[in-house]
Amino acid sequence: MDNPDFSRLLENNEAPSKATINHINELLKEPTQRLRSIQGEIRYLATLIQGLKEEEQATQATINLYNRILSPIRRVPPEIWSEFFYHCLPTQRNPIMSTSDAPLLLTRVCSTWRSAALSSPRLW
């Protein structure tokens, strides 16, 4: 704002003259065009980012599937599971044969737990 008339008009509510209006409209052409260009670039980049986000999610989903296979819990030996399960048994009373209580409850979690629990004589 190197024009003193413009600075003065910004500081009060006077109506600008027709010449000032025409001059300001001329001055607005270039920044308005640049703004449209910037907004177009932003839209284009937003589209690219959205595509990359979708690709990121798909790639992360693939990684998650593979990592599930590599999970260390899958490599726990049955005798360790058996020891864990032994400590799940009630201590104040004898275990009851109910699917809502150990040891039967443990057989309902997954096939690995079922096999480990059923092959552990200490639980029964």
N, C-alpha and C. Protein backbone atom coordinates (compact mmCIF):
# COMPACT_ATOMS: atom_id res chain seq x y z
N MET A 1 0.83 -1.17 0.00
CA MET A 1 0.00 0.00 0.00
C MET A 1 0.89 1.25 0.00
N ASP A 2 1.45 1.54 -1.13
CA ASP A 2 2.30 2.72 -1.20
C ASP A 2 1.53 3.96 -1.64
N ASN A 3 0.25 3.84 -1.89
CA ASN A 3 -0.57 4.99 -2.27
C ASN A 3 -1.21 5.57 -1.00
N PRO A 4 -0.94 6.84 -0.67
CA PRO A 4 -1.50 7.43 0.55
C PRO A 4 -3.02 7.52 0.54
N ASP A 5 -3.63 7.64 -0.62
CA ASP A 5 -5.10 7.68 -0.68
C ASP A 5 -5.70 6.35 -0.23
N PHE A 6 -5.03 5.27 -0.62
CA PHE A 6 -5.54 3.95 -0.23
C PHE A 6 -5.42 3.77 1.27
N SER A 7 -4.30 4.17 1.83
CA SER A 7 -4.11 4.07 3.28
C SER A 7 -5.16 4.88 4.02
N ARG A 8 -5.43 6.07 3.52
CA ARG A 8 -6.43 6.92 4.15
C ARG A 8 -7.81 6.26 4.08
N LEU A 9 -8.13 5.67 2.93
CA LEU A 9 -9.45 5.03 2.77
C LEU A 9 -9.60 3.80 3.68
N LEU A 10 -8.50 3.17 3.98
CA LEU A 10 -8.56 2.01 4.88
C LEU A 10 -8.82 2.41 6.32
N GLU A 11 -8.54 3.66 6.64
CA GLU A 11 -8.68 4.13 8.01
C GLU A 11 -10.03 4.81 8.29
N ASN A 12 -10.88 4.95 7.27
CA ASN A 12 -12.18 5.57 7.49
C ASN A 12 -13.22 4.89 6.60
N ASN A 13 -14.41 5.41 6.60
CA ASN A 13 -15.50 4.82 5.82
C ASN A 13 -15.91 5.66 4.62
N GLU A 14 -15.03 6.51 4.15
CA GLU A 14 -15.34 7.34 2.98
C GLU A 14 -15.51 6.46 1.76
N ALA A 15 -16.38 6.88 0.86
CA ALA A 15 -16.57 6.16 -0.40
C ALA A 15 -15.41 6.52 -1.34
N PRO A 16 -14.82 5.53 -2.02
CA PRO A 16 -13.74 5.83 -2.96
C PRO A 16 -14.30 6.47 -4.23
N SER A 17 -13.46 7.23 -4.88
CA SER A 17 -13.86 7.85 -6.15
C SER A 17 -13.89 6.79 -7.24
N LYS A 18 -14.55 7.11 -8.37
CA LYS A 18 -14.60 6.17 -9.50
C LYS A 18 -13.20 5.85 -9.98
N ALA A 19 -12.33 6.84 -10.03
CA ALA A 19 -10.94 6.63 -10.48
C ALA A 19 -10.22 5.66 -9.54
N THR A 20 -10.45 5.82 -8.24
CA THR A 20 -9.82 4.93 -7.25
C THR A 20 -10.36 3.52 -7.40
N ILE A 21 -11.67 3.43 -7.60
CA ILE A 21 -12.28 2.10 -7.80
C ILE A 21 -11.68 1.42 -9.02
N ASN A 22 -11.58 2.14 -10.13
CA ASN A 22 -11.00 1.57 -11.35
C ASN A 22 -9.55 1.18 -11.14
N HIS A 23 -8.80 2.02 -10.44
CA HIS A 23 -7.39 1.74 -10.19
C HIS A 23 -7.23 0.49 -9.32
N ILE A 24 -8.04 0.39 -8.27
CA ILE A 24 -7.96 -0.77 -7.38
C ILE A 24 -8.38 -2.05 -8.12
N ASN A 25 -9.41 -1.94 -8.96
CA ASN A 25 -9.82 -3.11 -9.76
C ASN A 25 -8.69 -3.58 -10.66
N GLU A 26 -7.94 -2.66 -11.22
CA GLU A 26 -6.77 -3.01 -12.03
C GLU A 26 -5.70 -3.70 -11.18
N LEU A 27 -5.47 -3.13 -10.00
CA LEU A 27 -4.48 -3.71 -9.10
C LEU A 27 -4.88 -5.10 -8.61
N LEU A 28 -6.16 -5.37 -8.54
CA LEU A 28 -6.66 -6.66 -8.06
C LEU A 28 -6.55 -7.77 -9.10
N LYS A 29 -6.42 -7.44 -10.37
CA LYS A 29 -6.40 -8.47 -11.42
C LYS A 29 -5.29 -9.49 -11.22
N GLU A 30 -4.08 -9.04 -11.03
CA GLU A 30 -2.95 -9.97 -10.90
C GLU A 30 -3.05 -10.83 -9.63
N PRO A 31 -3.28 -10.24 -8.42
CA PRO A 31 -3.38 -11.10 -7.24
C PRO A 31 -4.59 -12.04 -7.29
N THR A 32 -5.68 -11.60 -7.91
CA THR A 32 -6.85 -12.48 -8.03
C THR A 32 -6.52 -13.67 -8.92
N GLN A 33 -5.84 -13.42 -10.02
CA GLN A 33 -5.43 -14.50 -10.92
C GLN A 33 -4.46 -15.44 -10.21
N ARG A 34 -3.52 -14.87 -9.46
CA ARG A 34 -2.55 -15.70 -8.72
C ARG A 34 -3.27 -16.54 -7.67
N LEU A 35 -4.25 -15.95 -6.99
CA LEU A 35 -5.01 -16.68 -5.98
C LEU A 35 -5.74 -17.86 -6.61
N ARG A 36 -6.36 -17.64 -7.76
CA ARG A 36 -7.05 -18.75 -8.45
C ARG A 36 -6.06 -19.85 -8.81
N SER A 37 -4.89 -19.45 -9.25
CA SER A 37 -3.85 -20.43 -9.60
C SER A 37 -3.42 -21.23 -8.37
N ILE A 38 -3.22 -20.54 -7.26
CA ILE A 38 -2.83 -21.21 -6.01
C ILE A 38 -3.92 -22.17 -5.56
N GLN A 39 -5.17 -21.73 -5.63
CA GLN A 39 -6.29 -22.58 -5.22
C GLN A 39 -6.38 -23.82 -6.10
N GLY A 40 -6.11 -23.66 -7.40
CA GLY A 40 -6.10 -24.81 -8.31
C GLY A 40 -5.00 -25.79 -7.93
N GLU A 41 -3.83 -25.25 -7.62
CA GLU A 41 -2.73 -26.12 -7.20
C GLU A 41 -3.08 -26.85 -5.90
N ILE A 42 -3.70 -26.15 -4.98
CA ILE A 42 -4.10 -26.77 -3.71
C ILE A 42 -5.09 -27.90 -3.96
N ARG A 43 -6.07 -27.69 -4.83
CA ARG A 43 -7.04 -28.75 -5.16
C ARG A 43 -6.33 -29.95 -5.78
N TYR A 44 -5.41 -29.68 -6.70
CA TYR A 44 -4.66 -30.76 -7.35
C TYR A 44 -3.84 -31.54 -6.32
N LEU A 45 -3.14 -30.81 -5.45
CA LEU A 45 -2.32 -31.47 -4.43
C LEU A 45 -3.19 -32.22 -3.42
N ALA A 46 -4.37 -31.68 -3.10
CA ALA A 46 -5.27 -32.37 -2.18
C ALA A 46 -5.73 -33.70 -2.79
N THR A 47 -5.96 -33.71 -4.10
CA THR A 47 -6.33 -34.95 -4.78
C THR A 47 -5.18 -35.95 -4.71
N LEU A 48 -3.97 -35.47 -4.95
CA LEU A 48 -2.80 -36.35 -4.84
C LEU A 48 -2.64 -36.89 -3.43
N ILE A 49 -2.81 -36.02 -2.45
CA ILE A 49 -2.67 -36.45 -1.06
C ILE A 49 -3.73 -37.49 -0.71
N GLN A 50 -4.95 -37.28 -1.17
CA GLN A 50 -6.02 -38.25 -0.89
C GLN A 50 -5.67 -39.61 -1.49
N GLY A 51 -5.16 -39.60 -2.72
CA GLY A 51 -4.76 -40.86 -3.35
C GLY A 51 -3.63 -41.53 -2.58
N LEU A 52 -2.68 -40.74 -2.11
CA LEU A 52 -1.58 -41.30 -1.33
C LEU A 52 -2.06 -41.84 0.02
N LYS A 53 -3.03 -41.16 0.63
CA LYS A 53 -3.57 -41.65 1.89
C LYS A 53 -4.26 -42.99 1.70
N GLU A 54 -5.00 -43.13 0.61
CA GLU A 54 -5.66 -44.40 0.33
C GLU A 54 -4.63 -45.50 0.09
N GLU A 55 -3.58 -45.18 -0.65
CA GLU A 55 -2.51 -46.15 -0.89
C GLU A 55 -1.80 -46.50 0.42
N GLU A 56 -1.60 -45.50 1.27
CA GLU A 56 -0.98 -45.73 2.58
C GLU A 56 -1.82 -46.70 3.41
N GLN A 57 -3.13 -46.49 3.43
CA GLN A 57 -4.01 -47.36 4.21
C GLN A 57 -3.97 -48.79 3.69
N ALA A 58 -3.99 -48.95 2.38
CA ALA A 58 -3.95 -50.29 1.79
C ALA A 58 -2.62 -50.96 2.11
N THR A 59 -1.53 -50.21 2.02
CA THR A 59 -0.22 -50.77 2.31
C THR A 59 -0.12 -51.13 3.79
N GLN A 60 -0.63 -50.27 4.66
CA GLN A 60 -0.61 -50.56 6.10
C GLN A 60 -1.44 -51.80 6.41
N ALA A 61 -2.57 -51.97 5.73
CA ALA A 61 -3.40 -53.15 5.94
C ALA A 61 -2.64 -54.42 5.57
N THR A 62 -1.89 -54.36 4.47
CA THR A 62 -1.08 -55.52 4.05
C THR A 62 -0.01 -55.82 5.09
N ILE A 63 0.67 -54.78 5.55
CA ILE A 63 1.71 -54.96 6.57
C ILE A 63 1.11 -55.56 7.83
N ASN A 64 -0.05 -55.08 8.24
CA ASN A 64 -0.71 -55.60 9.44
C ASN A 64 -1.02 -57.08 9.31
N LEU A 65 -1.47 -57.49 8.12
CA LEU A 65 -1.78 -58.92 7.91
C LEU A 65 -0.52 -59.76 8.06
N TYR A 66 0.56 -59.34 7.43
CA TYR A 66 1.82 -60.09 7.54
C TYR A 66 2.34 -60.10 8.97
N ASN A 67 2.23 -58.97 9.66
CA ASN A 67 2.72 -58.90 11.03
C ASN A 67 1.91 -59.79 11.97
N ARG A 68 0.63 -59.99 11.65
CA ARG A 68 -0.17 -60.91 12.46
C ARG A 68 0.41 -62.31 12.38
N ILE A 69 0.88 -62.69 11.19
CA ILE A 69 1.47 -64.02 11.02
C ILE A 69 2.78 -64.11 11.81
N LEU A 70 3.54 -63.03 11.86
CA LEU A 70 4.83 -63.03 12.53
C LEU A 70 4.75 -62.78 14.04
N SER A 71 3.56 -62.61 14.57
CA SER A 71 3.39 -62.29 15.98
C SER A 71 4.08 -63.32 16.87
N PRO A 72 4.88 -62.88 17.82
CA PRO A 72 5.59 -63.81 18.71
C PRO A 72 4.66 -64.72 19.51
N ILE A 73 3.46 -64.28 19.79
CA ILE A 73 2.53 -65.10 20.58
C ILE A 73 2.22 -66.41 19.86
N ARG A 74 2.35 -66.42 18.55
CA ARG A 74 2.08 -67.64 17.78
C ARG A 74 3.14 -68.71 18.02
N ARG A 75 4.30 -68.31 18.54
CA ARG A 75 5.40 -69.25 18.72
C ARG A 75 5.58 -69.70 20.17
N VAL A 76 4.61 -69.38 21.02
CA VAL A 76 4.68 -69.84 22.41
C VAL A 76 4.45 -71.35 22.43
N PRO A 77 5.35 -72.10 23.02
CA PRO A 77 5.20 -73.57 23.04
C PRO A 77 3.99 -73.99 23.89
N PRO A 78 3.40 -75.13 23.55
CA PRO A 78 2.22 -75.62 24.28
C PRO A 78 2.46 -75.78 25.78
N GLU A 79 3.67 -76.18 26.17
CA GLU A 79 3.94 -76.37 27.61
C GLU A 79 3.89 -75.04 28.38
N ILE A 80 4.22 -73.94 27.71
CA ILE A 80 4.12 -72.62 28.34
C ILE A 80 2.64 -72.25 28.49
N TRP A 81 1.84 -72.52 27.44
CA TRP A 81 0.40 -72.26 27.53
C TRP A 81 -0.18 -73.08 28.69
N SER A 82 0.25 -74.31 28.79
CA SER A 82 -0.25 -75.18 29.85
C SER A 82 0.05 -74.59 31.22
N GLU A 83 1.25 -74.03 31.38
CA GLU A 83 1.61 -73.40 32.65
C GLU A 83 0.75 -72.16 32.92
N PHE A 84 0.54 -71.35 31.90
CA PHE A 84 -0.35 -70.19 32.06
C PHE A 84 -1.73 -70.65 32.51
N PHE A 85 -2.23 -71.65 31.83
CA PHE A 85 -3.59 -72.11 32.10
C PHE A 85 -3.70 -72.68 33.52
N TYR A 86 -2.66 -73.34 33.96
CA TYR A 86 -2.67 -73.90 35.31
C TYR A 86 -2.88 -72.77 36.33
N HIS A 87 -2.26 -71.62 36.09
CA HIS A 87 -2.38 -70.49 37.01
C HIS A 87 -3.73 -69.77 36.87
N CYS A 88 -4.51 -70.15 35.87
CA CYS A 88 -5.85 -69.58 35.71
C CYS A 88 -6.90 -70.34 36.51
N LEU A 89 -6.54 -71.51 37.00
CA LEU A 89 -7.51 -72.32 37.75
C LEU A 89 -7.84 -71.64 39.08
N PRO A 90 -9.08 -71.77 39.53
CA PRO A 90 -9.45 -71.18 40.82
C PRO A 90 -8.64 -71.82 41.95
N THR A 91 -8.28 -71.02 42.93
CA THR A 91 -7.47 -71.54 44.04
C THR A 91 -8.31 -71.78 45.29
N GLN A 92 -9.45 -71.12 45.44
CA GLN A 92 -10.27 -71.29 46.64
C GLN A 92 -11.24 -72.46 46.55
N ARG A 93 -11.38 -73.01 45.36
CA ARG A 93 -12.33 -74.11 45.18
C ARG A 93 -11.86 -74.97 44.02
N ASN A 94 -12.48 -76.12 43.88
CA ASN A 94 -12.17 -76.98 42.73
C ASN A 94 -12.80 -76.39 41.49
N PRO A 95 -12.11 -76.52 40.35
CA PRO A 95 -12.71 -76.00 39.12
C PRO A 95 -14.01 -76.74 38.80
N ILE A 96 -14.96 -76.01 38.31
CA ILE A 96 -16.21 -76.63 37.88
C ILE A 96 -16.17 -76.80 36.37
N MET A 97 -16.89 -77.75 35.88
CA MET A 97 -16.90 -77.99 34.43
C MET A 97 -17.95 -77.09 33.79
N SER A 98 -17.58 -75.83 33.67
CA SER A 98 -18.47 -74.84 33.07
C SER A 98 -17.71 -74.10 31.98
N THR A 99 -18.39 -73.79 30.89
CA THR A 99 -17.74 -73.07 29.79
C THR A 99 -17.45 -71.61 30.14
N SER A 100 -17.90 -71.18 31.31
CA SER A 100 -17.61 -69.80 31.72
C SER A 100 -16.51 -69.76 32.78
N ASP A 101 -15.83 -70.86 32.99
CA ASP A 101 -14.79 -70.94 34.01
C ASP A 101 -13.63 -71.78 33.47
N ALA A 102 -12.40 -71.48 33.94
CA ALA A 102 -11.25 -72.30 33.56
C ALA A 102 -11.43 -73.68 34.18
N PRO A 103 -11.06 -74.73 33.55
CA PRO A 103 -10.29 -74.83 32.31
C PRO A 103 -11.11 -74.85 31.02
N LEU A 104 -12.41 -75.16 31.11
CA LEU A 104 -13.20 -75.24 29.87
C LEU A 104 -13.24 -73.92 29.11
N LEU A 105 -13.30 -72.83 29.82
CA LEU A 105 -13.34 -71.51 29.17
C LEU A 105 -12.12 -71.33 28.25
N LEU A 106 -10.97 -71.81 28.69
CA LEU A 106 -9.73 -71.65 27.91
C LEU A 106 -9.79 -72.41 26.59
N THR A 107 -10.56 -73.46 26.54
CA THR A 107 -10.64 -74.26 25.31
C THR A 107 -11.49 -73.57 24.24
N ARG A 108 -12.16 -72.49 24.60
CA ARG A 108 -13.06 -71.82 23.66
C ARG A 108 -12.43 -70.61 22.98
N VAL A 109 -11.20 -70.28 23.34
CA VAL A 109 -10.56 -69.07 22.80
C VAL A 109 -10.09 -69.28 21.37
N CYS A 110 -9.30 -70.30 21.14
CA CYS A 110 -8.80 -70.60 19.79
C CYS A 110 -8.34 -72.05 19.76
N SER A 111 -8.04 -72.53 18.58
CA SER A 111 -7.65 -73.94 18.44
C SER A 111 -6.31 -74.23 19.14
N THR A 112 -5.41 -73.27 19.15
CA THR A 112 -4.12 -73.47 19.83
C THR A 112 -4.34 -73.63 21.33
N TRP A 113 -5.16 -72.78 21.90
CA TRP A 113 -5.44 -72.88 23.34
C TRP A 113 -6.20 -74.16 23.65
N ARG A 114 -7.13 -74.53 22.78
CA ARG A 114 -7.90 -75.75 23.00
C ARG A 114 -6.98 -76.95 23.04
N SER A 115 -6.09 -77.03 22.07
CA SER A 115 -5.15 -78.15 22.00
C SER A 115 -4.24 -78.18 23.22
N ALA A 116 -3.70 -77.00 23.60
CA ALA A 116 -2.80 -76.94 24.76
C ALA A 116 -3.54 -77.31 26.04
N ALA A 117 -4.75 -76.81 26.21
CA ALA A 117 -5.51 -77.10 27.43
C ALA A 117 -5.89 -78.57 27.51
N LEU A 118 -6.37 -79.13 26.41
CA LEU A 118 -6.81 -80.52 26.43
C LEU A 118 -5.66 -81.50 26.59
N SER A 119 -4.46 -81.08 26.18
CA SER A 119 -3.31 -81.99 26.30
C SER A 119 -2.55 -81.78 27.61
N SER A 120 -3.10 -81.00 28.51
CA SER A 120 -2.43 -80.73 29.79
C SER A 120 -3.17 -81.44 30.92
N PRO A 121 -2.66 -82.56 31.40
CA PRO A 121 -3.33 -83.34 32.45
C PRO A 121 -3.51 -82.55 33.75
N ARG A 122 -2.62 -81.62 34.06
CA ARG A 122 -2.71 -80.87 35.32
C ARG A 122 -4.00 -80.05 35.41
N LEU A 123 -4.58 -79.69 34.27
CA LEU A 123 -5.79 -78.88 34.28
C LEU A 123 -7.04 -79.68 34.61
N TRP A 124 -6.97 -80.98 34.42
CA TRP A 124 -8.16 -81.81 34.55
C TRP A 124 -8.03 -82.72 35.75
